[in-house]
Amino acid sequence: MPVGIEAWVTQIPPITRGWLILSILTSLAVQCQLVTPLQLYYSFKAAFTNLQPWRTVTTFLYFGSISLDFVFHMFFFMRYSRMLEESSFANRKADYFWLLLVSAVLLLALSPLVNLPFLSSPLAFVPIYLWSRRHPSTPISLFGLVTITAPYLPLALVGLAWILNGTWRAAAGDLLGCAVGHLGWFVRDVWTREMIGGPTVLSEAPEILKRLFGEA
């Protein structure tokens, strides 16, 4: 790996960096025909009845073949996941991992309702949505063409994905990610503050996970 790229990669916070590297490697493995998407997609029957549990993980790592849409999702996912991990979850790796884990479980439960075999894009929208709600006044320039405020970013990205793919099904997964992201934001920023008055198991990582990340 060139020194410049290696230095850039090591500057990315660990959770985002791990997800990014595994996602790129997964798409490269498919591109090189080492595996096929049929071996990676999620369905309850394939994962649990046919005893192929790795599908519950690979469904969140495959963003599609190397293409413009792949680059689009990688760029925005990495950018806003990194900013969220460096700001709201600075020095709280366990809590950020817990956010993604709880969101992933919820997406697995909802996927049969919308018939989505791959859940990488919906999960990537969770940190994008949460960041946008926690920085409501931040202006965002989309490719230098239009400027919006952060809360409109998720819907703008959904629209771009629809345009790039030319079908509403491409936007369905992103909309599901926005819905799960909204639930995550509500649990962490509204419910715990206004109704509970403090963190809950849904908003803060359990102690065993904190110890695993060396934060207990």
N, C-alpha and C. Protein backbone atom coordinates (compact mmCIF):
# COMPACT_ATOMS: atom_id res chain seq x y z
N MET A 1 0.86 -1.19 0.00
CA MET A 1 0.00 0.00 0.00
C MET A 1 0.89 1.25 0.00
N PRO A 2 0.66 2.22 -0.92
CA PRO A 2 1.45 3.45 -0.93
C PRO A 2 1.38 4.17 0.41
N VAL A 3 2.48 4.87 0.75
CA VAL A 3 2.58 5.52 2.06
C VAL A 3 1.45 6.51 2.26
N GLY A 4 1.14 7.32 1.22
CA GLY A 4 0.10 8.33 1.36
C GLY A 4 -1.26 7.72 1.66
N ILE A 5 -1.60 6.65 0.95
CA ILE A 5 -2.88 5.99 1.17
C ILE A 5 -2.92 5.34 2.55
N GLU A 6 -1.79 4.70 2.92
CA GLU A 6 -1.74 4.05 4.24
C GLU A 6 -1.92 5.07 5.36
N ALA A 7 -1.30 6.24 5.22
CA ALA A 7 -1.45 7.28 6.23
C ALA A 7 -2.90 7.77 6.30
N TRP A 8 -3.53 7.91 5.13
CA TRP A 8 -4.93 8.35 5.10
C TRP A 8 -5.84 7.33 5.76
N VAL A 9 -5.62 6.05 5.47
CA VAL A 9 -6.45 4.99 6.03
C VAL A 9 -6.31 4.93 7.55
N THR A 10 -5.08 5.07 8.05
CA THR A 10 -4.86 4.97 9.50
C THR A 10 -5.46 6.15 10.26
N GLN A 11 -5.75 7.25 9.56
CA GLN A 11 -6.37 8.41 10.21
C GLN A 11 -7.87 8.23 10.39
N ILE A 12 -8.47 7.28 9.68
CA ILE A 12 -9.90 7.02 9.81
C ILE A 12 -10.15 6.31 11.14
N PRO A 13 -11.14 6.72 11.92
CA PRO A 13 -11.39 6.05 13.21
C PRO A 13 -11.71 4.57 13.02
N PRO A 14 -11.46 3.74 14.03
CA PRO A 14 -11.39 2.28 13.84
C PRO A 14 -12.65 1.60 13.34
N ILE A 15 -13.81 1.96 13.84
CA ILE A 15 -15.04 1.28 13.42
C ILE A 15 -15.31 1.56 11.94
N THR A 16 -15.25 2.83 11.57
CA THR A 16 -15.45 3.21 10.17
C THR A 16 -14.39 2.58 9.28
N ARG A 17 -13.14 2.59 9.73
CA ARG A 17 -12.05 2.02 8.94
C ARG A 17 -12.24 0.52 8.70
N GLY A 18 -12.61 -0.20 9.74
CA GLY A 18 -12.82 -1.63 9.58
C GLY A 18 -13.95 -1.95 8.62
N TRP A 19 -15.05 -1.22 8.76
CA TRP A 19 -16.21 -1.44 7.86
C TRP A 19 -15.85 -1.09 6.42
N LEU A 20 -15.12 0.00 6.23
CA LEU A 20 -14.73 0.43 4.89
C LEU A 20 -13.82 -0.61 4.22
N ILE A 21 -12.81 -1.07 4.94
CA ILE A 21 -11.87 -2.03 4.36
C ILE A 21 -12.56 -3.35 4.02
N LEU A 22 -13.39 -3.86 4.93
CA LEU A 22 -14.09 -5.12 4.68
C LEU A 22 -15.06 -4.99 3.50
N SER A 23 -15.70 -3.84 3.36
CA SER A 23 -16.63 -3.64 2.25
C SER A 23 -15.90 -3.61 0.91
N ILE A 24 -14.77 -2.90 0.87
CA ILE A 24 -14.00 -2.84 -0.38
C ILE A 24 -13.47 -4.23 -0.73
N LEU A 25 -12.96 -4.96 0.26
CA LEU A 25 -12.44 -6.30 0.00
C LEU A 25 -13.54 -7.25 -0.47
N THR A 26 -14.74 -7.09 0.08
CA THR A 26 -15.86 -7.94 -0.34
C THR A 26 -16.22 -7.69 -1.80
N SER A 27 -16.31 -6.43 -2.20
CA SER A 27 -16.64 -6.12 -3.59
C SER A 27 -15.53 -6.55 -4.53
N LEU A 28 -14.27 -6.41 -4.10
CA LEU A 28 -13.15 -6.88 -4.93
C LEU A 28 -13.18 -8.40 -5.08
N ALA A 29 -13.56 -9.11 -4.01
CA ALA A 29 -13.65 -10.57 -4.08
C ALA A 29 -14.71 -11.00 -5.09
N VAL A 30 -15.83 -10.27 -5.12
CA VAL A 30 -16.87 -10.57 -6.11
C VAL A 30 -16.38 -10.21 -7.51
N GLN A 31 -15.71 -9.06 -7.63
CA GLN A 31 -15.21 -8.62 -8.93
C GLN A 31 -14.19 -9.62 -9.50
N CYS A 32 -13.40 -10.22 -8.62
CA CYS A 32 -12.40 -11.20 -9.05
C CYS A 32 -12.96 -12.62 -9.12
N GLN A 33 -14.27 -12.75 -8.90
CA GLN A 33 -14.98 -14.03 -8.98
C GLN A 33 -14.47 -15.05 -7.97
N LEU A 34 -13.99 -14.56 -6.82
CA LEU A 34 -13.63 -15.46 -5.73
C LEU A 34 -14.88 -15.94 -4.99
N VAL A 35 -15.89 -15.08 -4.94
CA VAL A 35 -17.20 -15.42 -4.40
C VAL A 35 -18.25 -14.80 -5.32
N THR A 36 -19.49 -15.17 -5.12
CA THR A 36 -20.58 -14.58 -5.89
C THR A 36 -21.56 -13.92 -4.93
N PRO A 37 -22.33 -12.95 -5.41
CA PRO A 37 -23.35 -12.33 -4.54
C PRO A 37 -24.33 -13.34 -3.96
N LEU A 38 -24.56 -14.45 -4.66
CA LEU A 38 -25.48 -15.47 -4.16
C LEU A 38 -24.97 -16.12 -2.88
N GLN A 39 -23.67 -16.03 -2.64
CA GLN A 39 -23.10 -16.58 -1.42
C GLN A 39 -23.08 -15.58 -0.27
N LEU A 40 -23.48 -14.34 -0.55
CA LEU A 40 -23.36 -13.26 0.43
C LEU A 40 -24.69 -12.70 0.91
N TYR A 41 -25.74 -12.84 0.12
CA TYR A 41 -27.00 -12.17 0.45
C TYR A 41 -27.65 -12.80 1.68
N TYR A 42 -28.56 -12.05 2.29
CA TYR A 42 -29.24 -12.52 3.49
C TYR A 42 -30.66 -12.95 3.19
N SER A 43 -31.01 -14.11 3.69
CA SER A 43 -32.39 -14.53 3.84
C SER A 43 -32.45 -15.38 5.10
N PHE A 44 -33.55 -15.36 5.78
CA PHE A 44 -33.66 -16.10 7.03
C PHE A 44 -33.44 -17.59 6.80
N LYS A 45 -34.02 -18.10 5.72
CA LYS A 45 -33.89 -19.53 5.44
C LYS A 45 -32.44 -19.91 5.17
N ALA A 46 -31.77 -19.13 4.32
CA ALA A 46 -30.38 -19.45 3.99
C ALA A 46 -29.47 -19.34 5.21
N ALA A 47 -29.71 -18.31 6.04
CA ALA A 47 -28.82 -18.06 7.18
C ALA A 47 -29.02 -19.05 8.31
N PHE A 48 -30.27 -19.39 8.60
CA PHE A 48 -30.55 -20.17 9.80
C PHE A 48 -31.05 -21.59 9.52
N THR A 49 -31.87 -21.75 8.50
CA THR A 49 -32.33 -23.11 8.17
C THR A 49 -31.24 -23.91 7.47
N ASN A 50 -30.54 -23.25 6.54
CA ASN A 50 -29.45 -23.91 5.81
C ASN A 50 -28.10 -23.77 6.50
N LEU A 51 -28.11 -23.17 7.71
CA LEU A 51 -26.90 -23.05 8.54
C LEU A 51 -25.77 -22.34 7.81
N GLN A 52 -26.06 -21.13 7.32
CA GLN A 52 -25.06 -20.28 6.69
C GLN A 52 -25.08 -18.91 7.39
N PRO A 53 -24.69 -18.89 8.67
CA PRO A 53 -24.85 -17.66 9.47
C PRO A 53 -24.00 -16.49 9.01
N TRP A 54 -22.94 -16.75 8.20
CA TRP A 54 -22.10 -15.63 7.76
C TRP A 54 -22.90 -14.61 6.93
N ARG A 55 -24.03 -15.04 6.40
CA ARG A 55 -24.85 -14.13 5.59
C ARG A 55 -25.39 -12.95 6.41
N THR A 56 -25.53 -13.14 7.72
CA THR A 56 -25.99 -12.04 8.57
C THR A 56 -24.94 -10.94 8.69
N VAL A 57 -23.71 -11.23 8.29
CA VAL A 57 -22.63 -10.24 8.30
C VAL A 57 -22.34 -9.74 6.89
N THR A 58 -22.21 -10.66 5.93
CA THR A 58 -21.83 -10.26 4.57
C THR A 58 -22.88 -9.38 3.90
N THR A 59 -24.13 -9.50 4.34
CA THR A 59 -25.17 -8.64 3.75
C THR A 59 -24.90 -7.16 4.02
N PHE A 60 -24.12 -6.87 5.09
CA PHE A 60 -23.79 -5.48 5.43
C PHE A 60 -22.46 -5.03 4.84
N LEU A 61 -21.78 -5.92 4.12
CA LEU A 61 -20.46 -5.60 3.58
C LEU A 61 -20.45 -5.44 2.07
N TYR A 62 -21.46 -5.96 1.40
CA TYR A 62 -21.45 -5.92 -0.07
C TYR A 62 -22.28 -4.74 -0.56
N PHE A 63 -21.60 -3.74 -1.12
CA PHE A 63 -22.26 -2.55 -1.66
C PHE A 63 -22.47 -2.64 -3.17
N GLY A 64 -22.27 -3.81 -3.73
CA GLY A 64 -22.43 -3.99 -5.16
C GLY A 64 -21.10 -4.06 -5.87
N SER A 65 -21.15 -4.30 -7.16
CA SER A 65 -19.94 -4.37 -7.97
C SER A 65 -19.29 -2.99 -8.06
N ILE A 66 -18.01 -2.95 -8.41
CA ILE A 66 -17.30 -1.68 -8.54
C ILE A 66 -17.93 -0.86 -9.66
N SER A 67 -18.52 0.26 -9.29
CA SER A 67 -19.28 1.07 -10.25
C SER A 67 -19.41 2.48 -9.67
N LEU A 68 -20.08 3.36 -10.42
CA LEU A 68 -20.32 4.72 -9.95
C LEU A 68 -21.18 4.70 -8.69
N ASP A 69 -22.17 3.82 -8.66
CA ASP A 69 -23.03 3.71 -7.49
C ASP A 69 -22.24 3.24 -6.27
N PHE A 70 -21.30 2.32 -6.48
CA PHE A 70 -20.45 1.83 -5.40
C PHE A 70 -19.60 2.98 -4.84
N VAL A 71 -18.98 3.74 -5.71
CA VAL A 71 -18.15 4.88 -5.28
C VAL A 71 -19.01 5.91 -4.55
N PHE A 72 -20.20 6.16 -5.05
CA PHE A 72 -21.13 7.10 -4.45
C PHE A 72 -21.43 6.70 -3.00
N HIS A 73 -21.79 5.43 -2.80
CA HIS A 73 -22.12 4.98 -1.45
C HIS A 73 -20.89 4.95 -0.55
N MET A 74 -19.75 4.52 -1.08
CA MET A 74 -18.53 4.47 -0.27
C MET A 74 -18.12 5.86 0.21
N PHE A 75 -18.20 6.83 -0.69
CA PHE A 75 -17.76 8.19 -0.35
C PHE A 75 -18.62 8.77 0.77
N PHE A 76 -19.95 8.73 0.60
CA PHE A 76 -20.82 9.36 1.59
C PHE A 76 -20.85 8.57 2.89
N PHE A 77 -20.84 7.24 2.80
CA PHE A 77 -20.79 6.44 4.02
C PHE A 77 -19.53 6.74 4.82
N MET A 78 -18.37 6.70 4.15
CA MET A 78 -17.11 6.91 4.86
C MET A 78 -17.03 8.32 5.43
N ARG A 79 -17.45 9.31 4.67
CA ARG A 79 -17.35 10.70 5.10
C ARG A 79 -18.16 10.96 6.37
N TYR A 80 -19.43 10.55 6.37
CA TYR A 80 -20.29 10.92 7.50
C TYR A 80 -20.17 9.94 8.66
N SER A 81 -19.85 8.68 8.38
CA SER A 81 -19.57 7.76 9.47
C SER A 81 -18.31 8.22 10.21
N ARG A 82 -17.32 8.65 9.45
CA ARG A 82 -16.08 9.14 10.07
C ARG A 82 -16.35 10.38 10.92
N MET A 83 -17.10 11.32 10.39
CA MET A 83 -17.36 12.55 11.15
C MET A 83 -18.16 12.27 12.40
N LEU A 84 -19.11 11.33 12.31
CA LEU A 84 -19.91 10.98 13.49
C LEU A 84 -19.05 10.29 14.54
N GLU A 85 -18.20 9.37 14.10
CA GLU A 85 -17.34 8.65 15.04
C GLU A 85 -16.31 9.58 15.68
N GLU A 86 -15.88 10.62 14.95
CA GLU A 86 -14.89 11.55 15.48
C GLU A 86 -15.50 12.64 16.36
N SER A 87 -16.82 12.82 16.27
CA SER A 87 -17.46 13.88 17.05
C SER A 87 -18.31 13.29 18.18
N SER A 88 -19.51 12.86 17.86
CA SER A 88 -20.42 12.36 18.89
C SER A 88 -19.90 11.13 19.61
N PHE A 89 -19.11 10.30 18.91
CA PHE A 89 -18.63 9.05 19.51
C PHE A 89 -17.12 9.05 19.69
N ALA A 90 -16.53 10.21 19.84
CA ALA A 90 -15.10 10.29 20.08
C ALA A 90 -14.74 9.57 21.38
N ASN A 91 -13.76 8.66 21.31
CA ASN A 91 -13.33 7.86 22.45
C ASN A 91 -14.46 6.99 23.01
N ARG A 92 -15.44 6.68 22.17
CA ARG A 92 -16.56 5.81 22.59
C ARG A 92 -16.80 4.77 21.50
N LYS A 93 -15.78 4.00 21.20
CA LYS A 93 -15.87 3.01 20.13
C LYS A 93 -16.97 1.99 20.41
N ALA A 94 -17.10 1.58 21.66
CA ALA A 94 -18.11 0.58 22.02
C ALA A 94 -19.52 1.09 21.73
N ASP A 95 -19.79 2.36 22.07
CA ASP A 95 -21.12 2.91 21.84
C ASP A 95 -21.43 3.02 20.35
N TYR A 96 -20.42 3.37 19.54
CA TYR A 96 -20.66 3.47 18.11
C TYR A 96 -20.88 2.08 17.50
N PHE A 97 -20.09 1.11 17.94
CA PHE A 97 -20.30 -0.26 17.47
C PHE A 97 -21.68 -0.76 17.89
N TRP A 98 -22.12 -0.41 19.09
CA TRP A 98 -23.43 -0.82 19.59
C TRP A 98 -24.55 -0.20 18.76
N LEU A 99 -24.38 1.07 18.39
CA LEU A 99 -25.36 1.72 17.50
C LEU A 99 -25.51 0.93 16.20
N LEU A 100 -24.39 0.58 15.58
CA LEU A 100 -24.44 -0.14 14.31
C LEU A 100 -24.98 -1.55 14.51
N LEU A 101 -24.62 -2.19 15.61
CA LEU A 101 -25.08 -3.56 15.86
C LEU A 101 -26.59 -3.62 16.07
N VAL A 102 -27.11 -2.74 16.90
CA VAL A 102 -28.56 -2.69 17.14
C VAL A 102 -29.30 -2.36 15.84
N SER A 103 -28.76 -1.42 15.08
CA SER A 103 -29.38 -1.05 13.79
C SER A 103 -29.36 -2.22 12.83
N ALA A 104 -28.24 -2.98 12.81
CA ALA A 104 -28.12 -4.13 11.92
C ALA A 104 -29.15 -5.20 12.26
N VAL A 105 -29.33 -5.47 13.56
CA VAL A 105 -30.31 -6.47 13.99
C VAL A 105 -31.72 -6.04 13.57
N LEU A 106 -32.02 -4.76 13.73
CA LEU A 106 -33.34 -4.25 13.34
C LEU A 106 -33.54 -4.38 11.83
N LEU A 107 -32.51 -4.08 11.05
CA LEU A 107 -32.60 -4.20 9.60
C LEU A 107 -32.79 -5.66 9.18
N LEU A 108 -32.11 -6.58 9.85
CA LEU A 108 -32.30 -8.00 9.55
C LEU A 108 -33.75 -8.41 9.80
N ALA A 109 -34.33 -7.89 10.87
CA ALA A 109 -35.71 -8.23 11.20
C ALA A 109 -36.70 -7.64 10.19
N LEU A 110 -36.37 -6.46 9.66
CA LEU A 110 -37.29 -5.78 8.73
C LEU A 110 -37.09 -6.20 7.28
N SER A 111 -35.94 -6.77 6.95
CA SER A 111 -35.61 -7.04 5.54
C SER A 111 -36.64 -7.92 4.82
N PRO A 112 -37.23 -8.94 5.47
CA PRO A 112 -38.23 -9.74 4.74
C PRO A 112 -39.45 -8.93 4.31
N LEU A 113 -39.75 -7.86 5.03
CA LEU A 113 -40.92 -7.05 4.70
C LEU A 113 -40.73 -6.27 3.41
N VAL A 114 -39.47 -5.94 3.09
CA VAL A 114 -39.20 -5.14 1.89
C VAL A 114 -38.37 -5.91 0.87
N ASN A 115 -38.10 -7.19 1.16
CA ASN A 115 -37.41 -8.07 0.22
C ASN A 115 -36.06 -7.50 -0.21
N LEU A 116 -35.22 -7.17 0.78
CA LEU A 116 -33.89 -6.63 0.50
C LEU A 116 -32.83 -7.67 0.85
N PRO A 117 -32.15 -8.24 -0.12
CA PRO A 117 -31.13 -9.25 0.19
C PRO A 117 -29.84 -8.66 0.75
N PHE A 118 -29.53 -7.40 0.36
CA PHE A 118 -28.32 -6.75 0.85
C PHE A 118 -28.69 -5.50 1.65
N LEU A 119 -28.09 -5.39 2.83
CA LEU A 119 -28.47 -4.35 3.77
C LEU A 119 -27.33 -3.38 4.07
N SER A 120 -26.29 -3.39 3.23
CA SER A 120 -25.14 -2.50 3.44
C SER A 120 -25.54 -1.03 3.31
N SER A 121 -26.27 -0.71 2.25
CA SER A 121 -26.66 0.68 2.04
C SER A 121 -27.62 1.18 3.12
N PRO A 122 -28.66 0.39 3.50
CA PRO A 122 -29.51 0.85 4.61
C PRO A 122 -28.73 1.10 5.90
N LEU A 123 -27.78 0.22 6.24
CA LEU A 123 -27.01 0.43 7.46
C LEU A 123 -26.11 1.66 7.33
N ALA A 124 -25.57 1.90 6.15
CA ALA A 124 -24.71 3.07 5.95
C ALA A 124 -25.49 4.37 6.14
N PHE A 125 -26.80 4.33 5.92
CA PHE A 125 -27.60 5.54 6.08
C PHE A 125 -27.87 5.86 7.55
N VAL A 126 -27.67 4.91 8.44
CA VAL A 126 -27.90 5.16 9.86
C VAL A 126 -26.95 6.23 10.39
N PRO A 127 -25.62 6.10 10.25
CA PRO A 127 -24.74 7.19 10.72
C PRO A 127 -24.93 8.49 9.94
N ILE A 128 -25.25 8.39 8.65
CA ILE A 128 -25.51 9.62 7.88
C ILE A 128 -26.69 10.36 8.47
N TYR A 129 -27.77 9.64 8.77
CA TYR A 129 -28.97 10.26 9.31
C TYR A 129 -28.71 10.84 10.69
N LEU A 130 -28.04 10.06 11.55
CA LEU A 130 -27.78 10.52 12.91
C LEU A 130 -26.90 11.77 12.90
N TRP A 131 -25.86 11.78 12.05
CA TRP A 131 -25.01 12.96 11.96
C TRP A 131 -25.82 14.18 11.51
N SER A 132 -26.69 13.98 10.53
CA SER A 132 -27.46 15.11 9.98
C SER A 132 -28.39 15.71 11.02
N ARG A 133 -28.94 14.87 11.91
CA ARG A 133 -29.85 15.40 12.94
C ARG A 133 -29.08 16.07 14.08
N ARG A 134 -27.84 15.67 14.29
CA ARG A 134 -27.05 16.26 15.36
C ARG A 134 -26.32 17.53 14.93
N HIS A 135 -26.37 17.84 13.63
CA HIS A 135 -25.74 19.06 13.12
C HIS A 135 -26.74 19.78 12.21
N PRO A 136 -27.88 20.19 12.77
CA PRO A 136 -28.98 20.69 11.95
C PRO A 136 -28.70 21.97 11.18
N SER A 137 -27.76 22.78 11.64
CA SER A 137 -27.52 24.07 10.96
C SER A 137 -26.32 24.03 10.03
N THR A 138 -25.67 22.86 9.89
CA THR A 138 -24.48 22.77 9.05
C THR A 138 -24.87 22.78 7.57
N PRO A 139 -24.29 23.69 6.76
CA PRO A 139 -24.59 23.69 5.32
C PRO A 139 -23.81 22.58 4.61
N ILE A 140 -24.45 21.93 3.66
CA ILE A 140 -23.85 20.85 2.89
C ILE A 140 -23.91 21.21 1.41
N SER A 141 -22.77 21.16 0.75
CA SER A 141 -22.73 21.40 -0.70
C SER A 141 -22.69 20.06 -1.41
N LEU A 142 -23.66 19.82 -2.27
CA LEU A 142 -23.73 18.58 -3.04
C LEU A 142 -23.06 18.80 -4.39
N PHE A 143 -21.81 18.33 -4.47
CA PHE A 143 -21.04 18.39 -5.71
C PHE A 143 -20.90 19.81 -6.23
N GLY A 144 -20.99 20.79 -5.34
CA GLY A 144 -20.84 22.17 -5.74
C GLY A 144 -22.01 22.72 -6.54
N LEU A 145 -23.11 21.97 -6.62
CA LEU A 145 -24.25 22.38 -7.44
C LEU A 145 -25.35 23.02 -6.62
N VAL A 146 -25.59 22.49 -5.43
CA VAL A 146 -26.67 23.01 -4.58
C VAL A 146 -26.23 22.88 -3.13
N THR A 147 -26.65 23.84 -2.31
CA THR A 147 -26.32 23.83 -0.89
C THR A 147 -27.60 23.62 -0.08
N ILE A 148 -27.54 22.66 0.83
CA ILE A 148 -28.67 22.37 1.70
C ILE A 148 -28.18 22.33 3.14
N THR A 149 -29.10 22.34 4.08
CA THR A 149 -28.72 22.15 5.47
C THR A 149 -28.73 20.66 5.79
N ALA A 150 -27.97 20.27 6.82
CA ALA A 150 -27.71 18.86 7.10
C ALA A 150 -28.96 17.99 7.23
N PRO A 151 -30.06 18.44 7.86
CA PRO A 151 -31.21 17.54 8.00
C PRO A 151 -31.81 17.06 6.67
N TYR A 152 -31.55 17.78 5.57
CA TYR A 152 -32.08 17.36 4.27
C TYR A 152 -31.12 16.43 3.53
N LEU A 153 -29.93 16.20 4.10
CA LEU A 153 -28.94 15.39 3.41
C LEU A 153 -29.41 13.97 3.12
N PRO A 154 -29.98 13.23 4.08
CA PRO A 154 -30.40 11.86 3.77
C PRO A 154 -31.38 11.76 2.62
N LEU A 155 -32.37 12.65 2.58
CA LEU A 155 -33.35 12.60 1.50
C LEU A 155 -32.71 12.98 0.17
N ALA A 156 -31.76 13.91 0.20
CA ALA A 156 -31.06 14.28 -1.03
C ALA A 156 -30.26 13.09 -1.57
N LEU A 157 -29.63 12.33 -0.68
CA LEU A 157 -28.86 11.15 -1.11
C LEU A 157 -29.78 10.06 -1.62
N VAL A 158 -30.94 9.91 -1.02
CA VAL A 158 -31.92 8.95 -1.52
C VAL A 158 -32.31 9.31 -2.95
N GLY A 159 -32.55 10.61 -3.19
CA GLY A 159 -32.90 11.05 -4.54
C GLY A 159 -31.78 10.81 -5.54
N LEU A 160 -30.54 11.04 -5.12
CA LEU A 160 -29.40 10.79 -6.00
C LEU A 160 -29.26 9.31 -6.34
N ALA A 161 -29.47 8.46 -5.33
CA ALA A 161 -29.39 7.01 -5.58
C ALA A 161 -30.48 6.58 -6.57
N TRP A 162 -31.64 7.16 -6.45
CA TRP A 162 -32.75 6.86 -7.36
C TRP A 162 -32.37 7.25 -8.78
N ILE A 163 -31.79 8.46 -8.92
CA ILE A 163 -31.40 8.94 -10.25
C ILE A 163 -30.30 8.07 -10.85
N LEU A 164 -29.29 7.71 -10.04
CA LEU A 164 -28.17 6.92 -10.54
C LEU A 164 -28.61 5.53 -11.00
N ASN A 165 -29.58 4.95 -10.29
CA ASN A 165 -30.00 3.59 -10.61
C ASN A 165 -31.23 3.53 -11.50
N GLY A 166 -31.98 4.63 -11.55
CA GLY A 166 -33.13 4.67 -12.43
C GLY A 166 -34.31 3.84 -11.97
N THR A 167 -34.33 3.42 -10.71
CA THR A 167 -35.43 2.63 -10.21
C THR A 167 -35.69 2.94 -8.75
N TRP A 168 -36.95 2.87 -8.34
CA TRP A 168 -37.31 3.18 -6.97
C TRP A 168 -36.75 2.16 -6.00
N ARG A 169 -36.50 0.93 -6.47
CA ARG A 169 -36.00 -0.11 -5.58
C ARG A 169 -34.63 0.25 -5.00
N ALA A 170 -33.85 1.01 -5.77
CA ALA A 170 -32.55 1.45 -5.26
C ALA A 170 -32.72 2.40 -4.09
N ALA A 171 -33.80 3.16 -4.09
CA ALA A 171 -34.05 4.11 -3.01
C ALA A 171 -34.76 3.46 -1.83
N ALA A 172 -35.40 2.30 -2.05
CA ALA A 172 -36.16 1.66 -0.97
C ALA A 172 -35.26 1.30 0.21
N GLY A 173 -34.09 0.73 -0.08
CA GLY A 173 -33.17 0.37 0.99
C GLY A 173 -32.67 1.58 1.74
N ASP A 174 -32.36 2.66 1.01
CA ASP A 174 -31.88 3.87 1.65
C ASP A 174 -32.96 4.50 2.54
N LEU A 175 -34.21 4.43 2.09
CA LEU A 175 -35.32 4.95 2.90
C LEU A 175 -35.49 4.12 4.17
N LEU A 176 -35.30 2.81 4.06
CA LEU A 176 -35.36 1.95 5.24
C LEU A 176 -34.25 2.33 6.22
N GLY A 177 -33.05 2.61 5.68
CA GLY A 177 -31.94 3.05 6.53
C GLY A 177 -32.25 4.36 7.23
N CYS A 178 -32.92 5.27 6.52
CA CYS A 178 -33.32 6.54 7.14
C CYS A 178 -34.30 6.30 8.29
N ALA A 179 -35.23 5.36 8.08
CA ALA A 179 -36.21 5.06 9.13
C ALA A 179 -35.52 4.49 10.37
N VAL A 180 -34.60 3.57 10.17
CA VAL A 180 -33.86 3.00 11.31
C VAL A 180 -32.96 4.05 11.94
N GLY A 181 -32.35 4.91 11.12
CA GLY A 181 -31.54 6.01 11.64
C GLY A 181 -32.37 6.96 12.48
N HIS A 182 -33.59 7.23 12.03
CA HIS A 182 -34.48 8.12 12.80
C HIS A 182 -34.81 7.50 14.14
N LEU A 183 -35.05 6.20 14.15
CA LEU A 183 -35.33 5.52 15.41
C LEU A 183 -34.12 5.59 16.34
N GLY A 184 -32.91 5.39 15.78
CA GLY A 184 -31.70 5.50 16.59
C GLY A 184 -31.52 6.89 17.16
N TRP A 185 -31.79 7.90 16.35
CA TRP A 185 -31.69 9.29 16.83
C TRP A 185 -32.72 9.55 17.93
N PHE A 186 -33.95 9.07 17.73
CA PHE A 186 -35.00 9.30 18.73
C PHE A 186 -34.65 8.65 20.05
N VAL A 187 -34.16 7.41 20.00
CA VAL A 187 -33.81 6.68 21.23
C VAL A 187 -32.69 7.38 21.98
N ARG A 188 -31.69 7.90 21.25
CA ARG A 188 -30.52 8.49 21.89
C ARG A 188 -30.70 9.95 22.27
N ASP A 189 -31.35 10.71 21.40
CA ASP A 189 -31.36 12.16 21.60
C ASP A 189 -32.69 12.72 22.11
N VAL A 190 -33.75 11.97 22.01
CA VAL A 190 -35.05 12.48 22.45
C VAL A 190 -35.57 11.68 23.63
N TRP A 191 -35.71 10.39 23.44
CA TRP A 191 -36.30 9.54 24.48
C TRP A 191 -35.48 9.55 25.76
N THR A 192 -34.16 9.38 25.65
CA THR A 192 -33.33 9.33 26.85
C THR A 192 -33.29 10.67 27.58
N ARG A 193 -33.46 11.76 26.85
CA ARG A 193 -33.40 13.09 27.46
C ARG A 193 -34.74 13.51 28.05
N GLU A 194 -35.82 13.31 27.30
CA GLU A 194 -37.11 13.86 27.69
C GLU A 194 -38.00 12.88 28.44
N MET A 195 -37.80 11.59 28.23
CA MET A 195 -38.69 10.61 28.85
C MET A 195 -38.01 9.78 29.93
N ILE A 196 -36.76 9.45 29.73
CA ILE A 196 -36.05 8.60 30.68
C ILE A 196 -35.14 9.41 31.59
N GLY A 197 -34.52 10.42 31.01
CA GLY A 197 -33.63 11.26 31.79
C GLY A 197 -32.23 10.71 31.92
N GLY A 198 -31.88 9.73 31.09
CA GLY A 198 -30.54 9.15 31.14
C GLY A 198 -30.43 8.02 30.14
N PRO A 199 -29.24 7.45 30.00
CA PRO A 199 -29.02 6.41 29.00
C PRO A 199 -29.74 5.10 29.34
N THR A 200 -30.05 4.33 28.31
CA THR A 200 -30.65 3.02 28.47
C THR A 200 -29.80 2.01 27.71
N VAL A 201 -30.17 0.74 27.78
CA VAL A 201 -29.41 -0.29 27.07
C VAL A 201 -29.48 -0.09 25.56
N LEU A 202 -30.49 0.62 25.08
CA LEU A 202 -30.60 0.87 23.65
C LEU A 202 -29.73 2.03 23.20
N SER A 203 -29.34 2.90 24.12
CA SER A 203 -28.58 4.08 23.75
C SER A 203 -27.12 4.01 24.17
N GLU A 204 -26.77 3.08 25.02
CA GLU A 204 -25.40 2.97 25.51
C GLU A 204 -24.98 1.51 25.52
N ALA A 205 -23.75 1.25 25.10
CA ALA A 205 -23.26 -0.12 25.01
C ALA A 205 -23.23 -0.79 26.38
N PRO A 206 -23.54 -2.09 26.44
CA PRO A 206 -23.43 -2.80 27.71
C PRO A 206 -21.99 -2.88 28.19
N GLU A 207 -21.82 -3.12 29.47
CA GLU A 207 -20.49 -3.12 30.08
C GLU A 207 -19.56 -4.15 29.45
N ILE A 208 -20.10 -5.31 29.09
CA ILE A 208 -19.24 -6.36 28.51
C ILE A 208 -18.63 -5.90 27.19
N LEU A 209 -19.39 -5.12 26.42
CA LEU A 209 -18.87 -4.60 25.16
C LEU A 209 -17.84 -3.51 25.40
N LYS A 210 -18.08 -2.68 26.41
CA LYS A 210 -17.11 -1.64 26.75
C LYS A 210 -15.79 -2.25 27.19
N ARG A 211 -15.87 -3.34 27.95
CA ARG A 211 -14.63 -3.99 28.38
C ARG A 211 -13.90 -4.58 27.19
N LEU A 212 -14.66 -5.11 26.21
CA LEU A 212 -14.06 -5.68 25.03
C LEU A 212 -13.29 -4.63 24.24
N PHE A 213 -13.79 -3.39 24.25
CA PHE A 213 -13.12 -2.30 23.55
C PHE A 213 -12.15 -1.55 24.46
N GLY A 214 -11.97 -2.03 25.67
CA GLY A 214 -11.04 -1.41 26.60
C GLY A 214 -11.50 -0.08 27.13
N GLU A 215 -12.82 0.10 27.28
CA GLU A 215 -13.35 1.39 27.73
C GLU A 215 -14.06 1.30 29.08
N ALA A 216 -14.10 0.12 29.67
CA ALA A 216 -14.79 -0.04 30.95
C ALA A 216 -13.94 0.48 32.10
